[in-house]
Amino acid sequence: MIKFETQRLIVRDYTGSDLDGLHRLMSDKENMYYLDDIATDTLAQSKGRLDYAAANADGHYFCICEKDTGDFVGSVGYTYTAHTPIGKIGHMGYFILPAFQRRGYTPEAAACALRFAFEKDGCIRITIAHYKDNIPSGKVIVRLGFRKEAEQIKAQYHDGVMKDRVEYAINKDEWPAIEHSLTEGNL
């Protein structure tokens, strides 16, 4: 089992015991507004998502728990988008239960996933994106040191309209300096 500990969190592979927490997260329509394509309605659908995450077949997905309480906080991970001769390219995502938002948990957990991607999993590049109107997510992305690469105007259909999307990336050779900045208290 892959497991990281930070000062406040445990970031680890999913297990069957995470189903209730994952279902609370993925079935919360308000919280999953920007991730409606992976939101679930039933416990069975959430179980399918848990099984998929636990298999890590096309990337790595980590459960986020509070270290002191063991409470389920959310999820962070990445999907492989390409396999090149020099390494993998992944696309990162994260989502946190509303009760744990605005505590700095997302960047803390995402830094663990990035460290694993670059130092253990052979990734050479991680991308991430958000709808432009999802300002909190954009702040987390910038805080993590991702570099803005593109802004797509009316690029993706969401909630009945075409929305602007902002794309970012970090390459493996950029990670050591970014990680140093994060560990110096910039999370």
N, C-alpha and C. Protein backbone atom coordinates (compact mmCIF):
# COMPACT_ATOMS: atom_id res chain seq x y z
N MET A 1 0.84 -1.19 0.00
CA MET A 1 0.00 0.00 0.00
C MET A 1 0.88 1.25 0.00
N ILE A 2 0.55 2.18 -0.86
CA ILE A 2 1.24 3.46 -0.91
C ILE A 2 0.60 4.36 0.14
N LYS A 3 1.44 4.97 0.96
CA LYS A 3 0.93 5.80 2.05
C LYS A 3 1.92 6.93 2.35
N PHE A 4 1.39 8.14 2.47
CA PHE A 4 2.17 9.31 2.85
C PHE A 4 1.55 9.91 4.10
N GLU A 5 2.38 10.47 4.94
CA GLU A 5 1.88 11.21 6.10
C GLU A 5 2.44 12.62 6.05
N THR A 6 1.56 13.57 6.24
CA THR A 6 1.97 14.96 6.39
C THR A 6 1.71 15.32 7.85
N GLN A 7 1.90 16.56 8.19
CA GLN A 7 1.65 16.98 9.56
C GLN A 7 0.19 16.73 9.96
N ARG A 8 -0.75 16.88 9.00
CA ARG A 8 -2.17 16.78 9.34
C ARG A 8 -2.92 15.66 8.63
N LEU A 9 -2.32 15.07 7.60
CA LEU A 9 -3.07 14.15 6.75
C LEU A 9 -2.37 12.81 6.56
N ILE A 10 -3.17 11.83 6.21
CA ILE A 10 -2.68 10.57 5.66
C ILE A 10 -3.24 10.50 4.24
N VAL A 11 -2.36 10.31 3.28
CA VAL A 11 -2.72 10.20 1.87
C VAL A 11 -2.28 8.81 1.46
N ARG A 12 -3.25 7.96 1.07
CA ARG A 12 -2.93 6.55 0.86
C ARG A 12 -3.81 5.95 -0.22
N ASP A 13 -3.43 4.73 -0.62
CA ASP A 13 -4.27 3.98 -1.55
C ASP A 13 -5.65 3.75 -0.92
N TYR A 14 -6.63 3.61 -1.77
CA TYR A 14 -7.98 3.31 -1.32
C TYR A 14 -8.10 1.86 -0.85
N THR A 15 -9.00 1.65 0.12
CA THR A 15 -9.37 0.30 0.56
C THR A 15 -10.90 0.22 0.57
N GLY A 16 -11.42 -0.96 0.74
CA GLY A 16 -12.88 -1.14 0.78
C GLY A 16 -13.56 -0.35 1.87
N SER A 17 -12.84 -0.07 2.95
CA SER A 17 -13.44 0.67 4.07
C SER A 17 -13.68 2.14 3.75
N ASP A 18 -13.24 2.60 2.60
CA ASP A 18 -13.41 4.01 2.22
C ASP A 18 -14.71 4.27 1.48
N LEU A 19 -15.52 3.24 1.28
CA LEU A 19 -16.72 3.39 0.46
C LEU A 19 -17.68 4.45 0.98
N ASP A 20 -17.99 4.44 2.27
CA ASP A 20 -18.95 5.42 2.79
C ASP A 20 -18.47 6.86 2.57
N GLY A 21 -17.21 7.12 2.86
CA GLY A 21 -16.67 8.46 2.67
C GLY A 21 -16.66 8.87 1.21
N LEU A 22 -16.24 7.95 0.34
CA LEU A 22 -16.21 8.26 -1.09
C LEU A 22 -17.62 8.50 -1.62
N HIS A 23 -18.58 7.72 -1.14
CA HIS A 23 -19.96 7.92 -1.58
C HIS A 23 -20.49 9.28 -1.12
N ARG A 24 -20.20 9.66 0.12
CA ARG A 24 -20.62 11.00 0.59
C ARG A 24 -20.06 12.08 -0.33
N LEU A 25 -18.80 11.92 -0.70
CA LEU A 25 -18.12 12.90 -1.55
C LEU A 25 -18.70 12.93 -2.96
N MET A 26 -18.79 11.77 -3.58
CA MET A 26 -19.15 11.71 -5.00
C MET A 26 -20.64 11.89 -5.26
N SER A 27 -21.47 11.71 -4.24
CA SER A 27 -22.91 11.87 -4.44
C SER A 27 -23.41 13.25 -3.99
N ASP A 28 -22.52 14.09 -3.51
CA ASP A 28 -22.88 15.45 -3.10
C ASP A 28 -22.90 16.33 -4.36
N LYS A 29 -24.08 16.54 -4.90
CA LYS A 29 -24.23 17.23 -6.19
C LYS A 29 -23.65 18.65 -6.18
N GLU A 30 -23.81 19.35 -5.07
CA GLU A 30 -23.26 20.71 -5.00
C GLU A 30 -21.73 20.67 -5.02
N ASN A 31 -21.16 19.76 -4.25
CA ASN A 31 -19.70 19.65 -4.19
C ASN A 31 -19.12 19.14 -5.51
N MET A 32 -19.86 18.30 -6.21
CA MET A 32 -19.38 17.70 -7.45
C MET A 32 -19.82 18.51 -8.68
N TYR A 33 -20.26 19.72 -8.47
CA TYR A 33 -20.77 20.55 -9.57
C TYR A 33 -19.80 20.59 -10.75
N TYR A 34 -18.54 20.82 -10.50
CA TYR A 34 -17.56 20.93 -11.59
C TYR A 34 -17.05 19.58 -12.06
N LEU A 35 -17.40 18.52 -11.35
CA LEU A 35 -16.97 17.17 -11.72
C LEU A 35 -18.20 16.28 -11.96
N ASP A 36 -19.22 16.87 -12.57
CA ASP A 36 -20.47 16.15 -12.76
C ASP A 36 -20.31 14.89 -13.61
N ASP A 37 -19.27 14.82 -14.41
CA ASP A 37 -19.07 13.64 -15.26
C ASP A 37 -18.64 12.41 -14.46
N ILE A 38 -18.17 12.59 -13.23
CA ILE A 38 -17.79 11.44 -12.41
C ILE A 38 -18.63 11.33 -11.13
N ALA A 39 -19.58 12.24 -10.95
CA ALA A 39 -20.46 12.18 -9.77
C ALA A 39 -21.29 10.91 -9.81
N THR A 40 -21.69 10.44 -8.63
CA THR A 40 -22.50 9.23 -8.54
C THR A 40 -23.84 9.53 -7.89
N ASP A 41 -24.79 8.66 -8.13
CA ASP A 41 -26.12 8.77 -7.52
C ASP A 41 -26.36 7.68 -6.48
N THR A 42 -25.77 6.51 -6.72
CA THR A 42 -26.07 5.37 -5.86
C THR A 42 -24.79 4.85 -5.20
N LEU A 43 -24.99 4.09 -4.13
CA LEU A 43 -23.86 3.45 -3.46
C LEU A 43 -23.16 2.47 -4.40
N ALA A 44 -23.92 1.81 -5.24
CA ALA A 44 -23.33 0.86 -6.20
C ALA A 44 -22.42 1.59 -7.20
N GLN A 45 -22.84 2.77 -7.66
CA GLN A 45 -21.98 3.55 -8.56
C GLN A 45 -20.70 3.98 -7.85
N SER A 46 -20.84 4.42 -6.61
CA SER A 46 -19.66 4.81 -5.83
C SER A 46 -18.74 3.62 -5.60
N LYS A 47 -19.32 2.45 -5.39
CA LYS A 47 -18.51 1.23 -5.22
C LYS A 47 -17.71 0.96 -6.50
N GLY A 48 -18.33 1.17 -7.64
CA GLY A 48 -17.63 1.02 -8.91
C GLY A 48 -16.46 1.99 -9.02
N ARG A 49 -16.67 3.22 -8.59
CA ARG A 49 -15.59 4.22 -8.59
C ARG A 49 -14.48 3.82 -7.61
N LEU A 50 -14.85 3.30 -6.45
CA LEU A 50 -13.87 2.85 -5.46
C LEU A 50 -13.04 1.70 -6.02
N ASP A 51 -13.69 0.72 -6.62
CA ASP A 51 -12.97 -0.41 -7.20
C ASP A 51 -12.00 0.07 -8.28
N TYR A 52 -12.45 1.01 -9.09
CA TYR A 52 -11.61 1.57 -10.16
C TYR A 52 -10.41 2.29 -9.55
N ALA A 53 -10.65 3.12 -8.54
CA ALA A 53 -9.56 3.86 -7.89
C ALA A 53 -8.58 2.91 -7.22
N ALA A 54 -9.08 1.89 -6.56
CA ALA A 54 -8.21 0.94 -5.86
C ALA A 54 -7.34 0.15 -6.82
N ALA A 55 -7.82 -0.07 -8.04
CA ALA A 55 -7.06 -0.84 -9.02
C ALA A 55 -5.87 -0.05 -9.58
N ASN A 56 -5.94 1.29 -9.55
CA ASN A 56 -4.87 2.13 -10.10
C ASN A 56 -4.44 1.67 -11.49
N ALA A 57 -5.40 1.28 -12.31
CA ALA A 57 -5.08 0.71 -13.62
C ALA A 57 -4.57 1.75 -14.62
N ASP A 58 -5.07 2.96 -14.54
CA ASP A 58 -4.66 3.97 -15.53
C ASP A 58 -4.14 5.24 -14.86
N GLY A 59 -3.58 5.10 -13.66
CA GLY A 59 -3.06 6.23 -12.91
C GLY A 59 -2.97 5.85 -11.45
N HIS A 60 -2.97 6.86 -10.60
CA HIS A 60 -2.96 6.62 -9.15
C HIS A 60 -3.95 7.56 -8.50
N TYR A 61 -4.78 6.98 -7.62
CA TYR A 61 -5.82 7.73 -6.93
C TYR A 61 -5.65 7.47 -5.44
N PHE A 62 -5.62 8.52 -4.67
CA PHE A 62 -5.33 8.41 -3.25
C PHE A 62 -6.49 8.94 -2.41
N CYS A 63 -6.76 8.23 -1.33
CA CYS A 63 -7.72 8.64 -0.31
C CYS A 63 -7.02 9.62 0.63
N ILE A 64 -7.69 10.68 1.00
CA ILE A 64 -7.15 11.67 1.93
C ILE A 64 -7.94 11.53 3.24
N CYS A 65 -7.22 11.34 4.36
CA CYS A 65 -7.85 11.25 5.68
C CYS A 65 -7.14 12.18 6.65
N GLU A 66 -7.89 12.68 7.62
CA GLU A 66 -7.26 13.45 8.69
C GLU A 66 -6.41 12.51 9.54
N LYS A 67 -5.23 12.94 9.85
CA LYS A 67 -4.31 12.11 10.63
C LYS A 67 -4.82 11.88 12.05
N ASP A 68 -5.31 12.92 12.70
CA ASP A 68 -5.73 12.81 14.10
C ASP A 68 -7.03 12.05 14.29
N THR A 69 -7.98 12.23 13.37
CA THR A 69 -9.30 11.63 13.55
C THR A 69 -9.55 10.40 12.68
N GLY A 70 -8.80 10.29 11.59
CA GLY A 70 -9.04 9.21 10.63
C GLY A 70 -10.21 9.49 9.70
N ASP A 71 -10.82 10.68 9.84
CA ASP A 71 -11.99 11.02 9.02
C ASP A 71 -11.61 11.12 7.54
N PHE A 72 -12.51 10.62 6.68
CA PHE A 72 -12.36 10.72 5.24
C PHE A 72 -12.49 12.19 4.84
N VAL A 73 -11.53 12.71 4.10
CA VAL A 73 -11.49 14.11 3.69
C VAL A 73 -11.82 14.27 2.21
N GLY A 74 -11.23 13.42 1.37
CA GLY A 74 -11.44 13.57 -0.07
C GLY A 74 -10.53 12.66 -0.86
N SER A 75 -10.25 13.09 -2.08
CA SER A 75 -9.51 12.28 -3.03
C SER A 75 -8.58 13.16 -3.86
N VAL A 76 -7.43 12.59 -4.22
CA VAL A 76 -6.49 13.27 -5.10
C VAL A 76 -5.80 12.21 -5.94
N GLY A 77 -5.46 12.55 -7.16
CA GLY A 77 -4.76 11.58 -7.98
C GLY A 77 -4.59 12.07 -9.40
N TYR A 78 -4.17 11.15 -10.25
CA TYR A 78 -3.95 11.50 -11.64
C TYR A 78 -4.19 10.28 -12.53
N THR A 79 -4.59 10.58 -13.73
CA THR A 79 -4.83 9.58 -14.77
C THR A 79 -3.73 9.73 -15.80
N TYR A 80 -3.20 8.61 -16.27
CA TYR A 80 -2.21 8.67 -17.34
C TYR A 80 -2.90 9.12 -18.63
N THR A 81 -2.30 10.10 -19.29
CA THR A 81 -2.83 10.54 -20.57
C THR A 81 -1.92 10.14 -21.72
N ALA A 82 -0.67 9.77 -21.40
CA ALA A 82 0.27 9.32 -22.43
C ALA A 82 1.42 8.55 -21.79
N HIS A 83 1.94 7.63 -22.54
CA HIS A 83 3.16 6.89 -22.17
C HIS A 83 4.17 7.19 -23.27
N THR A 84 5.26 7.84 -22.92
CA THR A 84 6.28 8.19 -23.91
C THR A 84 7.53 7.36 -23.65
N PRO A 85 8.47 7.36 -24.56
CA PRO A 85 9.72 6.63 -24.32
C PRO A 85 10.49 7.12 -23.10
N ILE A 86 10.26 8.36 -22.69
CA ILE A 86 11.01 8.89 -21.54
C ILE A 86 10.19 8.97 -20.26
N GLY A 87 8.91 8.62 -20.31
CA GLY A 87 8.10 8.62 -19.10
C GLY A 87 6.63 8.87 -19.36
N LYS A 88 5.85 8.83 -18.29
CA LYS A 88 4.40 8.98 -18.37
C LYS A 88 4.00 10.45 -18.23
N ILE A 89 2.86 10.76 -18.80
CA ILE A 89 2.23 12.06 -18.62
C ILE A 89 0.89 11.80 -17.95
N GLY A 90 0.60 12.58 -16.92
CA GLY A 90 -0.64 12.39 -16.18
C GLY A 90 -1.45 13.67 -16.09
N HIS A 91 -2.72 13.51 -15.82
CA HIS A 91 -3.63 14.65 -15.61
C HIS A 91 -4.22 14.52 -14.22
N MET A 92 -4.00 15.51 -13.38
CA MET A 92 -4.35 15.48 -11.96
C MET A 92 -5.75 16.02 -11.71
N GLY A 93 -6.35 15.49 -10.65
CA GLY A 93 -7.62 15.99 -10.16
C GLY A 93 -7.71 15.80 -8.66
N TYR A 94 -8.62 16.52 -8.03
CA TYR A 94 -8.81 16.41 -6.60
C TYR A 94 -10.22 16.89 -6.26
N PHE A 95 -10.75 16.37 -5.17
CA PHE A 95 -12.01 16.88 -4.64
C PHE A 95 -12.09 16.54 -3.16
N ILE A 96 -12.65 17.47 -2.41
CA ILE A 96 -12.65 17.45 -0.95
C ILE A 96 -14.08 17.65 -0.44
N LEU A 97 -14.44 16.92 0.63
CA LEU A 97 -15.75 17.14 1.25
C LEU A 97 -15.87 18.59 1.73
N PRO A 98 -17.03 19.19 1.61
CA PRO A 98 -17.20 20.59 2.01
C PRO A 98 -16.74 20.90 3.44
N ALA A 99 -16.94 19.99 4.37
CA ALA A 99 -16.55 20.24 5.77
C ALA A 99 -15.05 20.43 5.94
N PHE A 100 -14.26 19.98 4.97
CA PHE A 100 -12.80 20.05 5.08
C PHE A 100 -12.18 21.07 4.12
N GLN A 101 -13.00 21.78 3.39
CA GLN A 101 -12.48 22.78 2.45
C GLN A 101 -11.99 24.02 3.19
N ARG A 102 -11.13 24.77 2.54
CA ARG A 102 -10.54 26.01 3.05
C ARG A 102 -9.68 25.80 4.30
N ARG A 103 -9.05 24.65 4.39
CA ARG A 103 -8.12 24.36 5.48
C ARG A 103 -6.70 24.12 4.96
N GLY A 104 -6.53 24.18 3.65
CA GLY A 104 -5.22 23.91 3.07
C GLY A 104 -4.94 22.43 2.86
N TYR A 105 -5.96 21.58 3.03
CA TYR A 105 -5.76 20.15 2.86
C TYR A 105 -5.50 19.76 1.41
N THR A 106 -6.16 20.43 0.48
CA THR A 106 -6.02 20.05 -0.93
C THR A 106 -4.58 20.21 -1.41
N PRO A 107 -3.95 21.36 -1.24
CA PRO A 107 -2.56 21.44 -1.70
C PRO A 107 -1.62 20.52 -0.94
N GLU A 108 -1.89 20.30 0.32
CA GLU A 108 -1.06 19.40 1.13
C GLU A 108 -1.11 17.98 0.57
N ALA A 109 -2.30 17.51 0.25
CA ALA A 109 -2.46 16.16 -0.30
C ALA A 109 -1.96 16.09 -1.75
N ALA A 110 -2.24 17.11 -2.53
CA ALA A 110 -1.81 17.12 -3.94
C ALA A 110 -0.29 17.10 -4.04
N ALA A 111 0.39 17.75 -3.12
CA ALA A 111 1.86 17.73 -3.12
C ALA A 111 2.37 16.30 -2.93
N CYS A 112 1.70 15.51 -2.11
CA CYS A 112 2.08 14.09 -1.93
C CYS A 112 1.92 13.33 -3.23
N ALA A 113 0.79 13.55 -3.91
CA ALA A 113 0.55 12.86 -5.18
C ALA A 113 1.57 13.28 -6.24
N LEU A 114 1.92 14.55 -6.27
CA LEU A 114 2.93 15.02 -7.23
C LEU A 114 4.29 14.41 -6.92
N ARG A 115 4.65 14.37 -5.65
CA ARG A 115 5.93 13.78 -5.25
C ARG A 115 5.99 12.32 -5.72
N PHE A 116 4.92 11.57 -5.48
CA PHE A 116 4.88 10.18 -5.91
C PHE A 116 4.99 10.08 -7.44
N ALA A 117 4.23 10.91 -8.14
CA ALA A 117 4.24 10.86 -9.61
C ALA A 117 5.64 11.06 -10.18
N PHE A 118 6.34 12.08 -9.67
CA PHE A 118 7.65 12.41 -10.22
C PHE A 118 8.79 11.55 -9.69
N GLU A 119 8.70 11.17 -8.43
CA GLU A 119 9.83 10.48 -7.81
C GLU A 119 9.71 8.96 -7.82
N LYS A 120 8.50 8.42 -7.93
CA LYS A 120 8.32 6.96 -7.85
C LYS A 120 7.60 6.35 -9.06
N ASP A 121 6.76 7.12 -9.73
CA ASP A 121 5.89 6.54 -10.75
C ASP A 121 6.36 6.80 -12.19
N GLY A 122 7.48 7.46 -12.36
CA GLY A 122 8.01 7.65 -13.71
C GLY A 122 7.31 8.70 -14.54
N CYS A 123 6.59 9.60 -13.89
CA CYS A 123 5.93 10.67 -14.65
C CYS A 123 6.94 11.78 -14.98
N ILE A 124 6.81 12.32 -16.17
CA ILE A 124 7.67 13.42 -16.59
C ILE A 124 6.90 14.74 -16.67
N ARG A 125 5.57 14.64 -16.62
CA ARG A 125 4.73 15.83 -16.74
C ARG A 125 3.37 15.53 -16.14
N ILE A 126 2.86 16.51 -15.38
CA ILE A 126 1.50 16.41 -14.85
C ILE A 126 0.76 17.68 -15.27
N THR A 127 -0.41 17.48 -15.86
CA THR A 127 -1.25 18.60 -16.25
C THR A 127 -2.44 18.67 -15.30
N ILE A 128 -3.12 19.80 -15.32
CA ILE A 128 -4.32 20.00 -14.51
C ILE A 128 -5.10 21.14 -15.16
N ALA A 129 -6.40 21.17 -14.97
CA ALA A 129 -7.21 22.23 -15.56
C ALA A 129 -8.40 22.51 -14.66
N HIS A 130 -9.00 23.67 -14.89
CA HIS A 130 -10.24 24.01 -14.18
C HIS A 130 -11.07 24.94 -15.04
N TYR A 131 -12.39 24.90 -14.80
CA TYR A 131 -13.23 25.89 -15.45
C TYR A 131 -12.85 27.25 -14.87
N LYS A 132 -12.79 28.24 -15.72
CA LYS A 132 -12.35 29.57 -15.28
C LYS A 132 -13.20 30.12 -14.15
N ASP A 133 -14.49 29.77 -14.13
CA ASP A 133 -15.35 30.29 -13.06
C ASP A 133 -15.19 29.53 -11.74
N ASN A 134 -14.38 28.48 -11.72
CA ASN A 134 -14.09 27.76 -10.47
C ASN A 134 -12.83 28.38 -9.85
N ILE A 135 -12.98 29.55 -9.31
CA ILE A 135 -11.85 30.34 -8.80
C ILE A 135 -11.12 29.65 -7.65
N PRO A 136 -11.80 29.02 -6.68
CA PRO A 136 -11.06 28.34 -5.61
C PRO A 136 -10.10 27.25 -6.13
N SER A 137 -10.54 26.49 -7.11
CA SER A 137 -9.68 25.44 -7.66
C SER A 137 -8.47 26.07 -8.34
N GLY A 138 -8.67 27.15 -9.06
CA GLY A 138 -7.55 27.84 -9.70
C GLY A 138 -6.53 28.32 -8.69
N LYS A 139 -6.98 28.78 -7.54
CA LYS A 139 -6.05 29.23 -6.49
C LYS A 139 -5.20 28.08 -5.96
N VAL A 140 -5.82 26.91 -5.80
CA VAL A 140 -5.06 25.74 -5.33
C VAL A 140 -4.00 25.37 -6.36
N ILE A 141 -4.37 25.36 -7.62
CA ILE A 141 -3.45 24.99 -8.69
C ILE A 141 -2.24 25.92 -8.71
N VAL A 142 -2.48 27.20 -8.64
CA VAL A 142 -1.38 28.18 -8.63
C VAL A 142 -0.52 28.01 -7.38
N ARG A 143 -1.16 27.79 -6.26
CA ARG A 143 -0.44 27.60 -4.99
C ARG A 143 0.52 26.40 -5.04
N LEU A 144 0.12 25.38 -5.81
CA LEU A 144 0.95 24.20 -5.97
C LEU A 144 2.12 24.41 -6.92
N GLY A 145 2.17 25.54 -7.59
CA GLY A 145 3.30 25.82 -8.48
C GLY A 145 3.09 25.43 -9.92
N PHE A 146 1.87 25.05 -10.28
CA PHE A 146 1.61 24.74 -11.68
C PHE A 146 1.77 26.01 -12.52
N ARG A 147 2.25 25.83 -13.72
CA ARG A 147 2.47 26.93 -14.67
C ARG A 147 1.29 26.97 -15.65
N LYS A 148 0.69 28.14 -15.80
CA LYS A 148 -0.43 28.30 -16.74
C LYS A 148 0.10 28.15 -18.16
N GLU A 149 -0.59 27.32 -18.93
CA GLU A 149 -0.16 27.09 -20.31
C GLU A 149 -1.16 27.57 -21.34
N ALA A 150 -2.45 27.55 -20.99
CA ALA A 150 -3.45 27.92 -21.99
C ALA A 150 -4.75 28.31 -21.33
N GLU A 151 -5.46 29.16 -22.00
CA GLU A 151 -6.83 29.49 -21.60
C GLU A 151 -7.69 29.27 -22.83
N GLN A 152 -8.59 28.33 -22.71
CA GLN A 152 -9.46 28.00 -23.83
C GLN A 152 -10.80 28.70 -23.64
N ILE A 153 -11.20 29.43 -24.63
CA ILE A 153 -12.44 30.21 -24.56
C ILE A 153 -13.61 29.36 -25.05
N LYS A 154 -14.64 29.29 -24.22
CA LYS A 154 -15.84 28.50 -24.52
C LYS A 154 -15.45 27.13 -25.08
N ALA A 155 -14.63 26.44 -24.34
CA ALA A 155 -14.02 25.20 -24.83
C ALA A 155 -14.73 23.93 -24.40
N GLN A 156 -15.53 24.00 -23.33
CA GLN A 156 -16.12 22.77 -22.83
C GLN A 156 -17.55 23.02 -22.37
N TYR A 157 -18.42 22.10 -22.71
CA TYR A 157 -19.82 22.20 -22.34
C TYR A 157 -19.99 21.76 -20.89
N HIS A 158 -20.63 22.62 -20.09
CA HIS A 158 -20.89 22.31 -18.68
C HIS A 158 -22.11 23.08 -18.21
N ASP A 159 -23.02 22.38 -17.59
CA ASP A 159 -24.21 22.98 -16.99
C ASP A 159 -24.98 23.86 -17.98
N GLY A 160 -25.11 23.36 -19.20
CA GLY A 160 -25.93 24.03 -20.19
C GLY A 160 -25.27 25.12 -21.00
N VAL A 161 -24.01 25.40 -20.75
CA VAL A 161 -23.31 26.45 -21.51
C VAL A 161 -21.88 26.01 -21.84
N MET A 162 -21.31 26.68 -22.81
CA MET A 162 -19.90 26.47 -23.11
C MET A 162 -19.10 27.35 -22.15
N LYS A 163 -18.09 26.75 -21.50
CA LYS A 163 -17.31 27.46 -20.49
C LYS A 163 -15.85 27.56 -20.87
N ASP A 164 -15.23 28.63 -20.35
CA ASP A 164 -13.80 28.80 -20.51
C ASP A 164 -13.07 27.83 -19.59
N ARG A 165 -11.92 27.37 -20.04
CA ARG A 165 -11.13 26.40 -19.28
C ARG A 165 -9.68 26.86 -19.27
N VAL A 166 -9.03 26.71 -18.11
CA VAL A 166 -7.64 27.12 -17.95
C VAL A 166 -6.81 25.88 -17.71
N GLU A 167 -5.70 25.75 -18.44
CA GLU A 167 -4.85 24.57 -18.34
C GLU A 167 -3.47 24.94 -17.81
N TYR A 168 -2.92 24.04 -16.99
CA TYR A 168 -1.64 24.24 -16.33
C TYR A 168 -0.81 22.96 -16.42
N ALA A 169 0.48 23.06 -16.11
CA ALA A 169 1.34 21.87 -16.08
C ALA A 169 2.54 22.10 -15.17
N ILE A 170 3.11 20.98 -14.73
CA ILE A 170 4.42 20.96 -14.06
C ILE A 170 5.20 19.82 -14.73
N ASN A 171 6.43 20.10 -15.12
CA ASN A 171 7.32 19.07 -15.64
C ASN A 171 8.22 18.57 -14.53
N LYS A 172 8.70 17.34 -14.68
CA LYS A 172 9.51 16.70 -13.65
C LYS A 172 10.73 17.55 -13.27
N ASP A 173 11.37 18.18 -14.26
CA ASP A 173 12.57 18.97 -13.96
C ASP A 173 12.25 20.24 -13.16
N GLU A 174 10.99 20.66 -13.13
CA GLU A 174 10.57 21.82 -12.35
C GLU A 174 10.23 21.44 -10.90
N TRP A 175 9.94 20.17 -10.68
CA TRP A 175 9.42 19.72 -9.40
C TRP A 175 10.35 19.98 -8.21
N PRO A 176 11.66 19.72 -8.29
CA PRO A 176 12.48 19.94 -7.09
C PRO A 176 12.38 21.36 -6.52
N ALA A 177 12.40 22.36 -7.38
CA ALA A 177 12.31 23.74 -6.90
C ALA A 177 10.92 24.03 -6.33
N ILE A 178 9.89 23.50 -6.98
CA ILE A 178 8.52 23.70 -6.50
C ILE A 178 8.33 23.00 -5.16
N GLU A 179 8.81 21.76 -5.05
CA GLU A 179 8.66 21.03 -3.79
C GLU A 179 9.39 21.75 -2.66
N HIS A 180 10.58 22.28 -2.95
CA HIS A 180 11.32 23.03 -1.93
C HIS A 180 10.51 24.23 -1.47
N SER A 181 9.91 24.94 -2.41
CA SER A 181 9.09 26.10 -2.07
C SER A 181 7.90 25.69 -1.21
N LEU A 182 7.28 24.54 -1.54
CA LEU A 182 6.12 24.07 -0.78
C LEU A 182 6.52 23.67 0.64
N THR A 183 7.64 23.02 0.79
CA THR A 183 8.07 22.59 2.12
C THR A 183 8.58 23.75 2.97
N GLU A 184 8.84 24.86 2.36
CA GLU A 184 9.26 26.04 3.10
C GLU A 184 8.07 26.82 3.64
N GLY A 185 6.91 26.22 3.61
CA GLY A 185 5.74 26.86 4.21
C GLY A 185 4.82 27.57 3.26
N ASN A 186 4.98 27.34 1.97
CA ASN A 186 4.14 28.03 0.99
C ASN A 186 2.86 27.27 0.66
N LEU A 187 2.61 26.16 1.34
CA LEU A 187 1.35 25.46 1.11
C LEU A 187 0.24 26.26 1.76
